[in-house]
PDB file of N, CA and C in Angstrom:
ATOM      1  N   MET A   1     -58.348 175.315 280.129  1.00  0.00           N
ATOM      2  CA  MET A   1     -58.426 176.757 280.049  1.00  0.00           C
ATOM      3  C   MET A   1     -59.484 177.201 279.045  1.00  0.00           C
ATOM      4  N   PHE A   2     -59.510 176.537 277.871  1.00  0.00           N
ATOM      5  CA  PHE A   2     -60.486 176.910 276.845  1.00  0.00           C
ATOM      6  C   PHE A   2     -61.906 176.587 277.291  1.00  0.00           C
ATOM      7  N   LYS A   3     -62.021 175.531 278.077  1.00  0.00           N
ATOM      8  CA  LYS A   3     -63.330 175.162 278.611  1.00  0.00           C
ATOM      9  C   LYS A   3     -63.864 176.278 279.515  1.00  0.00           C
ATOM     10  N   GLU A   4     -62.989 176.828 280.351  1.00  0.00           N
ATOM     11  CA  GLU A   4     -63.379 177.920 281.243  1.00  0.00           C
ATOM     12  C   GLU A   4     -63.744 179.173 280.456  1.00  0.00           C
ATOM     13  N   LEU A   5     -63.015 179.457 279.378  1.00  0.00           N
ATOM     14  CA  LEU A   5     -63.334 180.617 278.537  1.00  0.00           C
ATOM     15  C   LEU A   5     -64.707 180.451 277.895  1.00  0.00           C
ATOM     16  N   GLY A   6     -65.023 179.228 277.506  1.00  0.00           N
ATOM     17  CA  GLY A   6     -66.338 178.956 276.935  1.00  0.00           C
ATOM     18  C   GLY A   6     -67.445 179.197 277.942  1.00  0.00           C
ATOM     19  N   LYS A   7     -67.211 178.786 279.181  1.00  0.00           N
ATOM     20  CA  LYS A   7     -68.197 179.026 280.238  1.00  0.00           C
ATOM     21  C   LYS A   7     -68.379 180.519 280.473  1.00  0.00           C
ATOM     22  N   MET A   8     -67.258 181.243 280.466  1.00  0.00           N
ATOM     23  CA  MET A   8     -67.327 182.687 280.692  1.00  0.00           C
ATOM     24  C   MET A   8     -68.086 183.367 279.553  1.00  0.00           C
ATOM     25  N   ALA A   9     -67.822 182.959 278.330  1.00  0.00           N
ATOM     26  CA  ALA A   9     -68.522 183.544 277.183  1.00  0.00           C
ATOM     27  C   ALA A   9     -70.017 183.270 277.276  1.00  0.00           C
ATOM     28  N   SER A  10     -70.365 182.079 277.715  1.00  0.00           N
ATOM     29  CA  SER A  10     -71.776 181.727 277.876  1.00  0.00           C
ATOM     30  C   SER A  10     -72.437 182.603 278.938  1.00  0.00           C
ATOM     31  N   LEU A  11     -71.729 182.837 280.036  1.00  0.00           N
ATOM     32  CA  LEU A  11     -72.274 183.690 281.092  1.00  0.00           C
ATOM     33  C   LEU A  11     -72.460 185.122 280.615  1.00  0.00           C
ATOM     34  N   VAL A  12     -71.511 185.624 279.832  1.00  0.00           N
ATOM     35  CA  VAL A  12     -71.621 186.985 279.301  1.00  0.00           C
ATOM     36  C   VAL A  12     -72.826 187.085 278.373  1.00  0.00           C
ATOM     37  N   LYS A  13     -73.020 186.075 277.549  1.00  0.00           N
ATOM     38  CA  LYS A  13     -74.169 186.060 276.637  1.00  0.00           C
ATOM     39  C   LYS A  13     -75.471 186.035 277.434  1.00  0.00           C
ATOM     40  N   GLN A  14     -75.533 185.189 278.459  1.00  0.00           N
ATOM     41  CA  GLN A  14     -76.732 185.108 279.293  1.00  0.00           C
ATOM     42  C   GLN A  14     -76.999 186.435 279.990  1.00  0.00           C
ATOM     43  N   ALA A  15     -75.938 187.092 280.434  1.00  0.00           N
ATOM     44  CA  ALA A  15     -76.103 188.379 281.118  1.00  0.00           C
ATOM     45  C   ALA A  15     -76.726 189.409 280.186  1.00  0.00           C
ATOM     46  N   GLY A  16     -76.304 189.414 278.945  1.00  0.00           N
ATOM     47  CA  GLY A  16     -76.886 190.342 277.970  1.00  0.00           C
ATOM     48  C   GLY A  16     -78.362 190.081 277.760  1.00  0.00           C
ATOM     49  N   GLN A  17     -78.729 188.816 277.677  1.00  0.00           N
ATOM     50  CA  GLN A  17     -80.133 188.461 277.496  1.00  0.00           C
ATOM     51  C   GLN A  17     -80.949 188.815 278.735  1.00  0.00           C
ATOM     52  N   MET A  18     -80.318 188.706 279.888  1.00  0.00           N
ATOM     53  CA  MET A  18     -81.018 188.958 281.140  1.00  0.00           C
ATOM     54  C   MET A  18     -81.377 190.435 281.314  1.00  0.00           C
ATOM     55  N   ARG A  19     -80.565 191.335 280.765  1.00  0.00           N
ATOM     56  CA  ARG A  19     -80.825 192.767 280.971  1.00  0.00           C
ATOM     57  C   ARG A  19     -82.236 193.150 280.549  1.00  0.00           C
ATOM     58  N   GLY A  20     -82.619 192.713 279.354  1.00  0.00           N
ATOM     59  CA  GLY A  20     -83.964 193.018 278.866  1.00  0.00           C
ATOM     60  C   GLY A  20     -85.035 192.379 279.719  1.00  0.00           C
ATOM     61  N   LYS A  21     -84.785 191.149 280.130  1.00  0.00           N
ATOM     62  CA  LYS A  21     -85.764 190.449 280.959  1.00  0.00           C
ATOM     63  C   LYS A  21     -85.904 191.108 282.325  1.00  0.00           C
ATOM     64  N   VAL A  22     -84.793 191.562 282.888  1.00  0.00           N
ATOM     65  CA  VAL A  22     -84.832 192.212 284.199  1.00  0.00           C
ATOM     66  C   VAL A  22     -85.672 193.476 284.126  1.00  0.00           C
ATOM     67  N   LYS A  23     -85.515 194.232 283.052  1.00  0.00           N
ATOM     68  CA  LYS A  23     -86.310 195.456 282.893  1.00  0.00           C
ATOM     69  C   LYS A  23     -87.799 195.115 282.841  1.00  0.00           C
ATOM     70  N   GLU A  24     -88.152 194.070 282.104  1.00  0.00           N
ATOM     71  CA  GLU A  24     -89.556 193.641 282.030  1.00  0.00           C
ATOM     72  C   GLU A  24     -90.073 193.236 283.412  1.00  0.00           C
ATOM     73  N   VAL A  25     -89.266 192.493 284.145  1.00  0.00           N
ATOM     74  CA  VAL A  25     -89.675 192.040 285.474  1.00  0.00           C
ATOM     75  C   VAL A  25     -89.850 193.236 286.403  1.00  0.00           C
ATOM     76  N   GLN A  26     -88.937 194.206 286.336  1.00  0.00           N
ATOM     77  CA  GLN A  26     -89.065 195.398 287.178  1.00  0.00           C
ATOM     78  C   GLN A  26     -90.367 196.132 286.882  1.00  0.00           C
ATOM     79  N   GLU A  27     -90.717 196.232 285.608  1.00  0.00           N
ATOM     80  CA  GLU A  27     -91.966 196.907 285.245  1.00  0.00           C
ATOM     81  C   GLU A  27     -93.169 196.147 285.792  1.00  0.00           C
ATOM     82  N   ARG A  28     -93.127 194.819 285.710  1.00  0.00           N
ATOM     83  CA  ARG A  28     -94.228 194.018 286.259  1.00  0.00           C
ATOM     84  C   ARG A  28     -94.304 194.153 287.775  1.00  0.00           C
ATOM     85  N   LEU A  29     -93.152 194.111 288.423  1.00  0.00           N
ATOM     86  CA  LEU A  29     -93.131 194.217 289.884  1.00  0.00           C
ATOM     87  C   LEU A  29     -93.630 195.576 290.353  1.00  0.00           C
ATOM     88  N   GLN A  30     -93.401 196.611 289.574  1.00  0.00           N
ATOM     89  CA  GLN A  30     -93.897 197.941 289.937  1.00  0.00           C
ATOM     90  C   GLN A  30     -95.423 197.947 289.980  1.00  0.00           C
ATOM     91  N   GLN A  31     -96.058 197.099 289.173  1.00  0.00           N
ATOM     92  CA  GLN A  31     -97.519 197.040 289.115  1.00  0.00           C
ATOM     93  C   GLN A  31     -98.121 196.121 290.176  1.00  0.00           C
ATOM     94  N   ILE A  32     -97.337 195.185 290.682  1.00  0.00           N
ATOM     95  CA  ILE A  32     -97.837 194.246 291.694  1.00  0.00           C
ATOM     96  C   ILE A  32     -98.072 194.979 293.007  1.00  0.00           C
ATOM     97  N   ARG A  33     -99.163 194.649 293.666  1.00  0.00           N
ATOM     98  CA  ARG A  33     -99.478 195.217 294.976  1.00  0.00           C
ATOM     99  C   ARG A  33     -99.635 194.079 295.979  1.00  0.00           C
ATOM    100  N   VAL A  34     -98.967 194.215 297.104  1.00  0.00           N
ATOM    101  CA  VAL A  34     -99.096 193.259 298.201  1.00  0.00           C
ATOM    102  C   VAL A  34     -99.506 194.043 299.439  1.00  0.00           C
ATOM    103  N   GLU A  35     -99.996 193.317 300.429  1.00  0.00           N
ATOM    104  CA  GLU A  35    -100.524 193.994 301.608  1.00  0.00           C
ATOM    105  C   GLU A  35    -100.121 193.252 302.872  1.00  0.00           C
ATOM    106  N   GLY A  36     -99.799 194.016 303.874  1.00  0.00           N
ATOM    107  CA  GLY A  36     -99.565 193.476 305.206  1.00  0.00           C
ATOM    108  C   GLY A  36    -100.547 194.138 306.156  1.00  0.00           C
ATOM    109  N   THR A  37    -101.153 193.342 307.017  1.00  0.00           N
ATOM    110  CA  THR A  37    -102.117 193.906 307.964  1.00  0.00           C
ATOM    111  C   THR A  37    -101.769 193.466 309.379  1.00  0.00           C
ATOM    112  N   ALA A  38    -102.261 194.236 310.324  1.00  0.00           N
ATOM    113  CA  ALA A  38    -102.091 193.898 311.740  1.00  0.00           C
ATOM    114  C   ALA A  38    -103.355 194.316 312.475  1.00  0.00           C
ATOM    115  N   ALA A  39    -103.534 193.767 313.653  1.00  0.00           N
ATOM    116  CA  ALA A  39    -104.690 194.074 314.505  1.00  0.00           C
ATOM    117  C   ALA A  39    -105.998 193.836 313.761  1.00  0.00           C
ATOM    118  N   GLY A  40    -106.082 192.684 313.096  1.00  0.00           N
ATOM    119  CA  GLY A  40    -107.314 192.332 312.395  1.00  0.00           C
ATOM    120  C   GLY A  40    -107.668 193.282 311.266  1.00  0.00           C
ATOM    121  N   GLY A  41    -106.669 193.889 310.663  1.00  0.00           N
ATOM    122  CA  GLY A  41    -106.910 194.803 309.551  1.00  0.00           C
ATOM    123  C   GLY A  41    -107.008 196.260 309.965  1.00  0.00           C
ATOM    124  N   ALA A  42    -106.844 196.538 311.259  1.00  0.00           N
ATOM    125  CA  ALA A  42    -106.911 197.928 311.721  1.00  0.00           C
ATOM    126  C   ALA A  42    -105.735 198.749 311.190  1.00  0.00           C
ATOM    127  N   ILE A  43    -104.645 198.060 310.868  1.00  0.00           N
ATOM    128  CA  ILE A  43    -103.500 198.707 310.227  1.00  0.00           C
ATOM    129  C   ILE A  43    -103.218 197.949 308.943  1.00  0.00           C
ATOM    130  N   ARG A  44    -103.036 198.713 307.874  1.00  0.00           N
ATOM    131  CA  ARG A  44    -102.810 198.111 306.560  1.00  0.00           C
ATOM    132  C   ARG A  44    -101.674 198.851 305.865  1.00  0.00           C
ATOM    133  N   VAL A  45    -100.704 198.075 305.355  1.00  0.00           N
ATOM    134  CA  VAL A  45     -99.594 198.636 304.585  1.00  0.00           C
ATOM    135  C   VAL A  45     -99.626 197.994 303.206  1.00  0.00           C
ATOM    136  N   GLU A  46     -99.673 198.830 302.177  1.00  0.00           N
ATOM    137  CA  GLU A  46     -99.653 198.356 300.793  1.00  0.00           C
ATOM    138  C   GLU A  46     -98.279 198.672 300.217  1.00  0.00           C
ATOM    139  N   MET A  47     -97.713 197.690 299.498  1.00  0.00           N
ATOM    140  CA  MET A  47     -96.369 197.826 298.966  1.00  0.00           C
ATOM    141  C   MET A  47     -96.347 197.292 297.538  1.00  0.00           C
ATOM    142  N   SER A  48     -95.465 197.844 296.718  1.00  0.00           N
ATOM    143  CA  SER A  48     -95.298 197.329 295.358  1.00  0.00           C
ATOM    144  C   SER A  48     -94.391 196.104 295.398  1.00  0.00           C
ATOM    145  N   GLY A  49     -94.358 195.385 294.297  1.00  0.00           N
ATOM    146  CA  GLY A  49     -93.448 194.251 294.176  1.00  0.00           C
ATOM    147  C   GLY A  49     -91.993 194.677 294.213  1.00  0.00           C
ATOM    148  N   LEU A  50     -91.730 195.978 294.050  1.00  0.00           N
ATOM    149  CA  LEU A  50     -90.369 196.512 294.149  1.00  0.00           C
ATOM    150  C   LEU A  50     -90.044 196.969 295.569  1.00  0.00           C
ATOM    151  N   GLN A  51     -90.884 196.585 296.509  1.00  0.00           N
ATOM    152  CA  GLN A  51     -90.681 196.842 297.930  1.00  0.00           C
ATOM    153  C   GLN A  51     -90.751 198.329 298.274  1.00  0.00           C
ATOM    154  N   GLN A  52     -91.595 199.045 297.562  1.00  0.00           N
ATOM    155  CA  GLN A  52     -91.841 200.455 297.858  1.00  0.00           C
ATOM    156  C   GLN A  52     -93.207 200.568 298.523  1.00  0.00           C
ATOM    157  N   VAL A  53     -93.286 201.315 299.627  1.00  0.00           N
ATOM    158  CA  VAL A  53     -94.567 201.506 300.306  1.00  0.00           C
ATOM    159  C   VAL A  53     -95.438 202.403 299.444  1.00  0.00           C
ATOM    160  N   ILE A  54     -96.658 201.940 299.157  1.00  0.00           N
ATOM    161  CA  ILE A  54     -97.613 202.671 298.328  1.00  0.00           C
ATOM    162  C   ILE A  54     -98.621 203.402 299.211  1.00  0.00           C
ATOM    163  N   ASP A  55     -99.072 202.713 300.259  1.00  0.00           N
ATOM    164  CA  ASP A  55    -100.101 203.293 301.113  1.00  0.00           C
ATOM    165  C   ASP A  55     -99.987 202.692 302.507  1.00  0.00           C
ATOM    166  N   CYS A  56    -100.438 203.451 303.473  1.00  0.00           N
ATOM    167  CA  CYS A  56    -100.451 203.004 304.861  1.00  0.00           C
ATOM    168  C   CYS A  56    -101.710 203.575 305.501  1.00  0.00           C
ATOM    169  N   GLN A  57    -102.498 202.703 306.125  1.00  0.00           N
ATOM    170  CA  GLN A  57    -103.738 203.178 306.732  1.00  0.00           C
ATOM    171  C   GLN A  57    -103.884 202.636 308.149  1.00  0.00           C
ATOM    172  N   ILE A  58    -104.417 203.488 308.999  1.00  0.00           N
ATOM    173  CA  ILE A  58    -104.724 203.125 310.383  1.00  0.00           C
ATOM    174  C   ILE A  58    -106.208 203.401 310.576  1.00  0.00           C
ATOM    175  N   SER A  59    -106.925 202.429 311.104  1.00  0.00           N
ATOM    176  CA  SER A  59    -108.362 202.631 311.305  1.00  0.00           C
ATOM    177  C   SER A  59    -108.587 203.790 312.273  1.00  0.00           C
ATOM    178  N   PRO A  60    -109.667 204.539 312.068  1.00  0.00           N
ATOM    179  CA  PRO A  60    -109.967 205.653 312.977  1.00  0.00           C
ATOM    180  C   PRO A  60    -110.079 205.202 314.438  1.00  0.00           C
ATOM    181  N   ALA A  61    -110.669 204.045 314.665  1.00  0.00           N
ATOM    182  CA  ALA A  61    -110.829 203.569 316.045  1.00  0.00           C
ATOM    183  C   ALA A  61    -109.475 203.343 316.707  1.00  0.00           C
ATOM    184  N   LEU A  62    -108.545 202.746 315.968  1.00  0.00           N
ATOM    185  CA  LEU A  62    -107.217 202.507 316.532  1.00  0.00           C
ATOM    186  C   LEU A  62    -106.479 203.826 316.746  1.00  0.00           C
ATOM    187  N   ALA A  63    -106.601 204.728 315.788  1.00  0.00           N
ATOM    188  CA  ALA A  63    -105.945 206.039 315.919  1.00  0.00           C
ATOM    189  C   ALA A  63    -106.465 206.787 317.146  1.00  0.00           C
ATOM    190  N   GLN A  64    -107.758 206.670 317.402  1.00  0.00           N
ATOM    191  CA  GLN A  64    -108.359 207.371 318.540  1.00  0.00           C
ATOM    192  C   GLN A  64    -107.984 206.749 319.880  1.00  0.00           C
ATOM    193  N   SER A  65    -107.449 205.533 319.833  1.00  0.00           N
ATOM    194  CA  SER A  65    -107.053 204.895 321.094  1.00  0.00           C
ATOM    195  C   SER A  65    -105.942 205.682 321.783  1.00  0.00           C
ATOM    196  N   GLY A  66    -105.169 206.405 320.995  1.00  0.00           N
ATOM    197  CA  GLY A  66    -104.111 207.233 321.561  1.00  0.00           C
ATOM    198  C   GLY A  66    -102.882 206.471 322.022  1.00  0.00           C
ATOM    199  N   ASP A  67    -102.836 205.171 321.778  1.00  0.00           N
ATOM    200  CA  ASP A  67    -101.698 204.358 322.218  1.00  0.00           C
ATOM    201  C   ASP A  67    -100.638 204.335 321.116  1.00  0.00           C
ATOM    202  N   ALA A  68     -99.802 205.355 321.097  1.00  0.00           N
ATOM    203  CA  ALA A  68     -98.805 205.511 320.035  1.00  0.00           C
ATOM    204  C   ALA A  68     -97.822 204.349 319.985  1.00  0.00           C
ATOM    205  N   GLU A  69     -97.405 203.840 321.134  1.00  0.00           N
ATOM    206  CA  GLU A  69     -96.455 202.725 321.158  1.00  0.00           C
ATOM    207  C   GLU A  69     -97.051 201.478 320.523  1.00  0.00           C
ATOM    208  N   MET A  70     -98.302 201.173 320.863  1.00  0.00           N
ATOM    209  CA  MET A  70     -98.948 200.002 320.290  1.00  0.00           C
ATOM    210  C   MET A  70     -99.111 200.176 318.779  1.00  0.00           C
ATOM    211  N   ILE A  71     -99.536 201.349 318.345  1.00  0.00           N
ATOM    212  CA  ILE A  71     -99.713 201.610 316.918  1.00  0.00           C
ATOM    213  C   ILE A  71     -98.380 201.443 316.191  1.00  0.00           C
ATOM    214  N   ALA A  72     -97.309 201.960 316.770  1.00  0.00           N
ATOM    215  CA  ALA A  72     -95.986 201.834 316.153  1.00  0.00           C
ATOM    216  C   ALA A  72     -95.578 200.370 316.022  1.00  0.00           C
ATOM    217  N   ARG A  73     -95.804 199.571 317.056  1.00  0.00           N
ATOM    218  CA  ARG A  73     -95.463 198.141 316.994  1.00  0.00           C
ATOM    219  C   ARG A  73     -96.282 197.430 315.925  1.00  0.00           C
ATOM    220  N   LEU A  74     -97.566 197.756 315.859  1.00  0.00           N
ATOM    221  CA  LEU A  74     -98.435 197.134 314.855  1.00  0.00           C
ATOM    222  C   LEU A  74     -98.045 197.560 313.443  1.00  0.00           C
ATOM    223  N   MET A  75     -97.595 198.802 313.290  1.00  0.00           N
ATOM    224  CA  MET A  75     -97.130 199.270 311.976  1.00  0.00           C
ATOM    225  C   MET A  75     -95.932 198.446 311.516  1.00  0.00           C
ATOM    226  N   VAL A  76     -95.027 198.175 312.442  1.00  0.00           N
ATOM    227  CA  VAL A  76     -93.851 197.364 312.112  1.00  0.00           C
ATOM    228  C   VAL A  76     -94.281 195.976 311.664  1.00  0.00           C
ATOM    229  N   VAL A  77     -95.240 195.383 312.367  1.00  0.00           N
ATOM    230  CA  VAL A  77     -95.737 194.053 311.999  1.00  0.00           C
ATOM    231  C   VAL A  77     -96.324 194.083 310.590  1.00  0.00           C
ATOM    232  N   ALA A  78     -97.199 195.041 310.318  1.00  0.00           N
ATOM    233  CA  ALA A  78     -97.841 195.133 309.003  1.00  0.00           C
ATOM    234  C   ALA A  78     -96.810 195.390 307.909  1.00  0.00           C
ATOM    235  N   PHE A  79     -95.861 196.277 308.170  1.00  0.00           N
ATOM    236  CA  PHE A  79     -94.815 196.572 307.195  1.00  0.00           C
ATOM    237  C   PHE A  79     -94.002 195.324 306.884  1.00  0.00           C
ATOM    238  N   ASN A  80     -93.582 194.594 307.921  1.00  0.00           N
ATOM    239  CA  ASN A  80     -92.769 193.399 307.701  1.00  0.00           C
ATOM    240  C   ASN A  80     -93.529 192.315 306.949  1.00  0.00           C
ATOM    241  N   LEU A  81     -94.824 192.188 307.205  1.00  0.00           N
ATOM    242  CA  LEU A  81     -95.630 191.218 306.456  1.00  0.00           C
ATOM    243  C   LEU A  81     -95.720 191.612 304.984  1.00  0.00           C
ATOM    244  N   ALA A  82     -95.920 192.889 304.714  1.00  0.00           N
ATOM    245  CA  ALA A  82     -95.969 193.360 303.327  1.00  0.00           C
ATOM    246  C   ALA A  82     -94.618 193.168 302.654  1.00  0.00           C
ATOM    247  N   LEU A  83     -93.547 193.468 303.355  1.00  0.00           N
ATOM    248  CA  LEU A  83     -92.203 193.311 302.806  1.00  0.00           C
ATOM    249  C   LEU A  83     -91.916 191.855 302.465  1.00  0.00           C
ATOM    250  N   GLU A  84     -92.330 190.954 303.335  1.00  0.00           N
ATOM    251  CA  GLU A  84     -92.148 189.523 303.083  1.00  0.00           C
ATOM    252  C   GLU A  84     -92.861 189.113 301.793  1.00  0.00           C
ATOM    253  N   GLN A  85     -94.082 189.596 301.604  1.00  0.00           N
ATOM    254  CA  GLN A  85     -94.832 189.270 300.388  1.00  0.00           C
ATOM    255  C   GLN A  85     -94.188 189.897 299.153  1.00  0.00           C
ATOM    256  N   ALA A  86     -93.684 191.119 299.283  1.00  0.00           N
ATOM    257  CA  ALA A  86     -93.030 191.784 298.151  1.00  0.00           C
ATOM    258  C   ALA A  86     -91.756 191.037 297.760  1.00  0.00           C
ATOM    259  N   ARG A  87     -91.013 190.592 298.742  1.00  0.00           N
ATOM    260  CA  ARG A  87     -89.794 189.821 298.449  1.00  0.00           C
ATOM    261  C   ARG A  87     -90.131 188.507 297.764  1.00  0.00           C
ATOM    262  N   LYS A  88     -91.204 187.865 298.207  1.00  0.00           N
ATOM    263  CA  LYS A  88     -91.625 186.613 297.572  1.00  0.00           C
ATOM    264  C   LYS A  88     -92.045 186.868 296.130  1.00  0.00           C
ATOM    265  N   ALA A  89     -92.796 187.934 295.897  1.00  0.00           N
ATOM    266  CA  ALA A  89     -93.213 188.271 294.533  1.00  0.00           C
ATOM    267  C   ALA A  89     -92.002 188.520 293.651  1.00  0.00           C
ATOM    268  N   SER A  90     -91.008 189.204 294.183  1.00  0.00           N
ATOM    269  CA  SER A  90     -89.785 189.482 293.439  1.00  0.00           C
ATOM    270  C   SER A  90     -89.035 188.190 293.124  1.00  0.00           C
ATOM    271  N   ALA A  91     -88.895 187.328 294.112  1.00  0.00           N
ATOM    272  CA  ALA A  91     -88.200 186.058 293.910  1.00  0.00           C
ATOM    273  C   ALA A  91     -88.937 185.183 292.909  1.00  0.00           C
ATOM    274  N   ASP A  92     -90.268 185.142 293.000  1.00  0.00           N
ATOM    275  CA  ASP A  92     -91.064 184.350 292.060  1.00  0.00           C
ATOM    276  C   ASP A  92     -90.896 184.862 290.639  1.00  0.00           C
ATOM    277  N   ALA A  93     -90.960 186.175 290.473  1.00  0.00           N
ATOM    278  CA  ALA A  93     -90.818 186.764 289.140  1.00  0.00           C
ATOM    279  C   ALA A  93     -89.429 186.495 288.583  1.00  0.00           C
ATOM    280  N   MET A  94     -88.415 186.617 289.416  1.00  0.00           N
ATOM    281  CA  MET A  94     -87.047 186.404 288.952  1.00  0.00           C
ATOM    282  C   MET A  94     -86.799 184.948 288.609  1.00  0.00           C
ATOM    283  N   SER A  95     -87.364 184.024 289.382  1.00  0.00           N
ATOM    284  CA  SER A  95     -87.141 182.607 289.090  1.00  0.00           C
ATOM    285  C   SER A  95     -87.757 182.221 287.752  1.00  0.00           C
ATOM    286  N   LYS A  96     -88.848 182.888 287.378  1.00  0.00           N
ATOM    287  CA  LYS A  96     -89.444 182.625 286.066  1.00  0.00           C
ATOM    288  C   LYS A  96     -88.522 183.097 284.949  1.00  0.00           C
ATOM    289  N   VAL A  97     -87.863 184.218 285.165  1.00  0.00           N
ATOM    290  CA  VAL A  97     -86.963 184.764 284.151  1.00  0.00           C
ATOM    291  C   VAL A  97     -85.684 183.950 284.049  1.00  0.00           C
ATOM    292  N   THR A  98     -85.130 183.561 285.186  1.00  0.00           N
ATOM    293  CA  THR A  98     -83.848 182.858 285.182  1.00  0.00           C
ATOM    294  C   THR A  98     -84.006 181.360 284.968  1.00  0.00           C
ATOM    295  N   GLU A  99     -85.220 180.886 284.999  1.00  0.00           N
ATOM    296  CA  GLU A  99     -85.510 179.466 284.791  1.00  0.00           C
ATOM    297  C   GLU A  99     -84.648 178.584 285.687  1.00  0.00           C
ATOM    298  N   GLY A 100     -84.561 178.996 286.968  1.00  0.00           N
ATOM    299  CA  GLY A 100     -83.864 178.181 287.949  1.00  0.00           C
ATOM    300  C   GLY A 100     -82.365 178.390 288.025  1.00  0.00           C
ATOM    301  N   MET A 101     -81.789 179.288 287.222  1.00  0.00           N
ATOM    302  CA  MET A 101     -80.353 179.547 287.312  1.00  0.00           C
ATOM    303  C   MET A 101     -80.060 180.227 288.642  1.00  0.00           C
ATOM    304  N   ASP A 102     -78.900 179.955 289.204  1.00  0.00           N
ATOM    305  CA  ASP A 102     -78.497 180.580 290.464  1.00  0.00           C
ATOM    306  C   ASP A 102     -77.694 181.832 290.154  1.00  0.00           C
ATOM    307  N   LEU A 103     -78.342 182.989 290.280  1.00  0.00           N
ATOM    308  CA  LEU A 103     -77.691 184.262 289.996  1.00  0.00           C
ATOM    309  C   LEU A 103     -77.757 185.136 291.238  1.00  0.00           C
ATOM    310  N   PRO A 104     -76.747 185.066 292.089  1.00  0.00           N
ATOM    311  CA  PRO A 104     -76.761 185.848 293.329  1.00  0.00           C
ATOM    312  C   PRO A 104     -76.912 187.340 293.055  1.00  0.00           C
ATOM    313  N   GLY A 105     -77.696 187.999 293.898  1.00  0.00           N
ATOM    314  CA  GLY A 105     -77.840 189.444 293.800  1.00  0.00           C
ATOM    315  C   GLY A 105     -78.949 189.924 292.896  1.00  0.00           C
ATOM    316  N   MET A 106     -79.653 189.043 292.209  1.00  0.00           N
ATOM    317  CA  MET A 106     -80.679 189.491 291.268  1.00  0.00           C
ATOM    318  C   MET A 106     -81.869 190.108 291.994  1.00  0.00           C
ATOM    319  N   ASN A 107     -82.265 189.573 293.145  1.00  0.00           N
ATOM    320  CA  ASN A 107     -83.390 190.172 293.878  1.00  0.00           C
ATOM    321  C   ASN A 107     -83.063 191.590 294.313  1.00  0.00           C
ATOM    322  N   GLU A 108     -81.821 191.819 294.724  1.00  0.00           N
ATOM    323  CA  GLU A 108     -81.414 193.167 295.113  1.00  0.00           C
ATOM    324  C   GLU A 108     -81.450 194.102 293.909  1.00  0.00           C
ATOM    325  N   LEU A 109     -81.027 193.601 292.754  1.00  0.00           N
ATOM    326  CA  LEU A 109     -81.063 194.404 291.533  1.00  0.00           C
ATOM    327  C   LEU A 109     -82.492 194.814 291.212  1.00  0.00           C
ATOM    328  N   LEU A 110     -83.421 193.875 291.334  1.00  0.00           N
ATOM    329  CA  LEU A 110     -84.822 194.172 291.050  1.00  0.00           C
ATOM    330  C   LEU A 110     -85.389 195.172 292.043  1.00  0.00           C
ATOM    331  N   ALA A 111     -84.889 195.123 293.256  1.00  0.00           N
ATOM    332  CA  ALA A 111     -85.394 196.023 294.288  1.00  0.00           C
ATOM    333  C   ALA A 111     -84.758 197.406 294.208  1.00  0.00           C
ATOM    334  N   GLY A 112     -83.957 197.625 293.209  1.00  0.00           N
ATOM    335  CA  GLY A 112     -83.386 198.953 293.015  1.00  0.00           C
ATOM    336  C   GLY A 112     -81.916 199.055 293.344  1.00  0.00           C
ATOM    337  N   GLY A 113     -81.220 197.926 293.337  1.00  0.00           N
ATOM    338  CA  GLY A 113     -79.778 197.967 293.499  1.00  0.00           C
ATOM    339  C   GLY A 113     -79.283 198.140 294.911  1.00  0.00           C
ATOM    340  N   GLU A 114     -80.026 197.648 295.873  1.00  0.00           N
ATOM    341  CA  GLU A 114     -79.602 197.777 297.278  1.00  0.00           C
ATOM    342  C   GLU A 114     -78.320 197.037 297.527  1.00  0.00           C
TER     343      GLU A 114
END
């Protein structure tokens, strides 16, 4: 029983230390920019490391094509590629902070508590 209490106390201590580190990581992730593109760069989605869309661009030539369905599908592709990169950036940043500890839910916390 005392062994388990010691483990719990250690986890509580680690959690306190992690709060400050998580804030630092969130600030860094807010500055990170990742990009997803589709159609050879005709569609570009820029996202922060916190998985927030920063910018979205469609080339004039593609916009003039008038094919709304195709543009919508390509937007989804570009968005998902950017999201994948943002999630990787978040996971990489968190793994540096946790030094390999298994802390479920930390990526969601960094992404704004989803």
